[in-house]
Amino acid sequence: MLDFLSTVAYAEPTAETMPAGAGYMPIIWLVVMFAVFYFMLIRPQKKQEKKQKEMLAALQVGDKVVTIGGICGKIAKLKDDYVYIETGFVGNPNEKATLKLERSAIRTVETIHE
């Protein structure tokens, strides 16, 4: 009796005992998991990056912006890779602080263009 149980417990599946097409199941699951990751993670991230690039390309002088660090201000001057932002008073109302930032440091634009 023990001899019978040990042979059953360690029996390997063979072509006769496996259902038809069972060898393809791991491959199908890998494809399904990749599709889920693509539609849940990769695709939304690419859309967000595209939207951010379009927003940075459409910056104009006079736009009110918020930086990644939370600094609010108005764009005073634009260069290729840099943005100059006026942030407010330094002590004298006629004197404003101007910051030089990279374009990629802009998080949002609060000015609505029509």
C-alpha atoms as a PDB file:
ATOM      1  CA  MET A   1       0.000   0.000   0.000  1.00  0.00           C
ATOM      2  CA  LEU A   2       2.796   2.489   0.835  1.00  0.00           C
ATOM      3  CA  ASP A   3       4.551   1.627  -2.391  1.00  0.00           C
ATOM      4  CA  PHE A   4       1.423   2.608  -4.370  1.00  0.00           C
ATOM      5  CA  LEU A   5       1.117   5.975  -2.591  1.00  0.00           C
ATOM      6  CA  SER A   6       4.740   6.900  -3.198  1.00  0.00           C
ATOM      7  CA  THR A   7       4.437   6.254  -6.937  1.00  0.00           C
ATOM      8  CA  VAL A   8       1.247   8.328  -7.152  1.00  0.00           C
ATOM      9  CA  ALA A   9       2.699  11.201  -5.133  1.00  0.00           C
ATOM     10  CA  TYR A  10       5.767  11.529  -7.332  1.00  0.00           C
ATOM     11  CA  ALA A  11       4.142  10.824 -10.675  1.00  0.00           C
ATOM     12  CA  GLU A  12       5.094  13.344 -13.363  1.00  0.00           C
ATOM     13  CA  PRO A  13       2.454  14.523 -15.830  1.00  0.00           C
ATOM     14  CA  THR A  14       2.864  13.037 -19.266  1.00  0.00           C
ATOM     15  CA  ALA A  15       1.364  13.874 -22.643  1.00  0.00           C
ATOM     16  CA  GLU A  16      -1.410  11.351 -21.990  1.00  0.00           C
ATOM     17  CA  THR A  17      -2.351  12.788 -18.571  1.00  0.00           C
ATOM     18  CA  MET A  18      -2.187  16.520 -19.440  1.00  0.00           C
ATOM     19  CA  PRO A  19      -5.191  18.189 -21.089  1.00  0.00           C
ATOM     20  CA  ALA A  20      -4.769  19.385 -24.663  1.00  0.00           C
ATOM     21  CA  GLY A  21      -3.212  22.846 -24.927  1.00  0.00           C
ATOM     22  CA  ALA A  22      -2.048  22.959 -21.284  1.00  0.00           C
ATOM     23  CA  GLY A  23       1.524  23.658 -22.385  1.00  0.00           C
ATOM     24  CA  TYR A  24       0.510  27.051 -23.789  1.00  0.00           C
ATOM     25  CA  MET A  25      -1.159  28.332 -20.604  1.00  0.00           C
ATOM     26  CA  PRO A  26       1.973  29.965 -19.071  1.00  0.00           C
ATOM     27  CA  ILE A  27       2.637  31.831 -22.318  1.00  0.00           C
ATOM     28  CA  ILE A  28      -0.966  33.015 -22.508  1.00  0.00           C
ATOM     29  CA  TRP A  29      -0.820  34.241 -18.897  1.00  0.00           C
ATOM     30  CA  LEU A  30       2.390  36.150 -19.592  1.00  0.00           C
ATOM     31  CA  VAL A  31       0.782  37.876 -22.576  1.00  0.00           C
ATOM     32  CA  VAL A  32      -2.316  38.729 -20.513  1.00  0.00           C
ATOM     33  CA  MET A  33      -0.209  40.134 -17.657  1.00  0.00           C
ATOM     34  CA  PHE A  34       1.859  42.246 -20.078  1.00  0.00           C
ATOM     35  CA  ALA A  35      -1.350  43.618 -21.628  1.00  0.00           C
ATOM     36  CA  VAL A  36      -2.704  44.521 -18.180  1.00  0.00           C
ATOM     37  CA  PHE A  37       0.543  46.291 -17.235  1.00  0.00           C
ATOM     38  CA  TYR A  38       0.572  48.141 -20.542  1.00  0.00           C
ATOM     39  CA  PHE A  39      -2.985  49.463 -20.251  1.00  0.00           C
ATOM     40  CA  MET A  40      -2.828  50.172 -16.507  1.00  0.00           C
ATOM     41  CA  LEU A  41       0.706  51.601 -16.115  1.00  0.00           C
ATOM     42  CA  ILE A  42       2.658  52.309 -19.291  1.00  0.00           C
ATOM     43  CA  ARG A  43      -0.012  53.906 -21.491  1.00  0.00           C
ATOM     44  CA  PRO A  44      -1.317  56.428 -18.908  1.00  0.00           C
ATOM     45  CA  GLN A  45       2.259  57.428 -18.062  1.00  0.00           C
ATOM     46  CA  LYS A  46       3.041  58.097 -21.747  1.00  0.00           C
ATOM     47  CA  LYS A  47      -0.133  60.191 -22.083  1.00  0.00           C
ATOM     48  CA  GLN A  48       0.814  62.250 -19.041  1.00  0.00           C
ATOM     49  CA  GLU A  49       4.357  62.830 -20.365  1.00  0.00           C
ATOM     50  CA  LYS A  50       2.978  63.936 -23.753  1.00  0.00           C
ATOM     51  CA  LYS A  51       0.565  66.371 -22.090  1.00  0.00           C
ATOM     52  CA  GLN A  52       3.405  67.816 -19.953  1.00  0.00           C
ATOM     53  CA  LYS A  53       5.634  68.332 -23.031  1.00  0.00           C
ATOM     54  CA  GLU A  54       2.808  70.107 -24.885  1.00  0.00           C
ATOM     55  CA  MET A  55       2.203  72.361 -21.880  1.00  0.00           C
ATOM     56  CA  LEU A  56       5.903  73.282 -21.638  1.00  0.00           C
ATOM     57  CA  ALA A  57       6.097  73.991 -25.367  1.00  0.00           C
ATOM     58  CA  ALA A  58       3.074  76.333 -25.177  1.00  0.00           C
ATOM     59  CA  LEU A  59       4.471  78.597 -22.437  1.00  0.00           C
ATOM     60  CA  GLN A  60       4.209  82.326 -23.157  1.00  0.00           C
ATOM     61  CA  VAL A  61       5.475  85.481 -21.506  1.00  0.00           C
ATOM     62  CA  GLY A  62       2.886  86.674 -18.986  1.00  0.00           C
ATOM     63  CA  ASP A  63       1.589  83.208 -18.057  1.00  0.00           C
ATOM     64  CA  LYS A  64       1.054  82.573 -14.370  1.00  0.00           C
ATOM     65  CA  VAL A  65       2.820  79.360 -13.400  1.00  0.00           C
ATOM     66  CA  VAL A  66       3.537  77.143 -10.409  1.00  0.00           C
ATOM     67  CA  THR A  67       6.865  75.337 -10.184  1.00  0.00           C
ATOM     68  CA  ILE A  68       7.568  71.865  -8.879  1.00  0.00           C
ATOM     69  CA  GLY A  69       8.852  73.469  -5.664  1.00  0.00           C
ATOM     70  CA  GLY A  70       5.600  75.395  -5.190  1.00  0.00           C
ATOM     71  CA  ILE A  71       6.840  78.829  -6.260  1.00  0.00           C
ATOM     72  CA  CYS A  72       4.118  80.907  -7.915  1.00  0.00           C
ATOM     73  CA  GLY A  73       4.921  83.657 -10.357  1.00  0.00           C
ATOM     74  CA  LYS A  74       4.545  85.190 -13.783  1.00  0.00           C
ATOM     75  CA  ILE A  75       6.820  84.419 -16.737  1.00  0.00           C
ATOM     76  CA  ALA A  76       8.982  87.469 -17.523  1.00  0.00           C
ATOM     77  CA  LYS A  77      11.256  85.995 -20.207  1.00  0.00           C
ATOM     78  CA  LEU A  78      11.635  82.709 -22.095  1.00  0.00           C
ATOM     79  CA  LYS A  79      14.817  81.145 -23.419  1.00  0.00           C
ATOM     80  CA  ASP A  80      15.301  77.744 -25.055  1.00  0.00           C
ATOM     81  CA  ASP A  81      15.693  75.690 -21.881  1.00  0.00           C
ATOM     82  CA  TYR A  82      15.144  78.368 -19.229  1.00  0.00           C
ATOM     83  CA  VAL A  83      12.234  80.408 -17.897  1.00  0.00           C
ATOM     84  CA  TYR A  84      12.597  83.660 -15.962  1.00  0.00           C
ATOM     85  CA  ILE A  85       9.807  84.109 -13.392  1.00  0.00           C
ATOM     86  CA  GLU A  86       8.853  87.265 -11.489  1.00  0.00           C
ATOM     87  CA  THR A  87       7.783  86.230  -8.017  1.00  0.00           C
ATOM     88  CA  GLY A  88       6.911  89.365  -6.106  1.00  0.00           C
ATOM     89  CA  PHE A  89       8.342  92.181  -4.028  1.00  0.00           C
ATOM     90  CA  VAL A  90      11.818  92.223  -2.545  1.00  0.00           C
ATOM     91  CA  GLY A  91      11.079  95.150  -0.247  1.00  0.00           C
ATOM     92  CA  ASN A  92      10.406  97.932  -2.693  1.00  0.00           C
ATOM     93  CA  PRO A  93       7.145  97.607  -4.726  1.00  0.00           C
ATOM     94  CA  ASN A  94       9.005  98.734  -7.852  1.00  0.00           C
ATOM     95  CA  GLU A  95      11.564  95.958  -7.425  1.00  0.00           C
ATOM     96  CA  LYS A  96      10.553  92.342  -8.205  1.00  0.00           C
ATOM     97  CA  ALA A  97      12.493  89.145  -7.671  1.00  0.00           C
ATOM     98  CA  THR A  98      13.266  87.241 -10.864  1.00  0.00           C
ATOM     99  CA  LEU A  99      14.165  83.562 -10.764  1.00  0.00           C
ATOM    100  CA  LYS A 100      15.886  81.634 -13.535  1.00  0.00           C
ATOM    101  CA  LEU A 101      14.495  78.086 -13.750  1.00  0.00           C
ATOM    102  CA  GLU A 102      14.639  75.238 -16.217  1.00  0.00           C
ATOM    103  CA  ARG A 103      11.489  74.719 -18.290  1.00  0.00           C
ATOM    104  CA  SER A 104      11.063  71.250 -16.833  1.00  0.00           C
ATOM    105  CA  ALA A 105      10.633  72.822 -13.357  1.00  0.00           C
ATOM    106  CA  ILE A 106       7.192  74.183 -14.334  1.00  0.00           C
ATOM    107  CA  ARG A 107       4.395  71.994 -12.963  1.00  0.00           C
ATOM    108  CA  THR A 108       1.244  73.855 -14.018  1.00  0.00           C
ATOM    109  CA  VAL A 109       0.148  76.910 -15.976  1.00  0.00           C
ATOM    110  CA  GLU A 110      -2.703  78.829 -14.382  1.00  0.00           C
ATOM    111  CA  THR A 111      -3.326  81.185 -17.325  1.00  0.00           C
ATOM    112  CA  ILE A 112      -6.072  80.074 -19.713  1.00  0.00           C
ATOM    113  CA  HIS A 113      -5.395  80.840 -23.382  1.00  0.00           C
ATOM    114  CA  GLU A 114      -8.307  81.238 -25.757  1.00  0.00           C
END
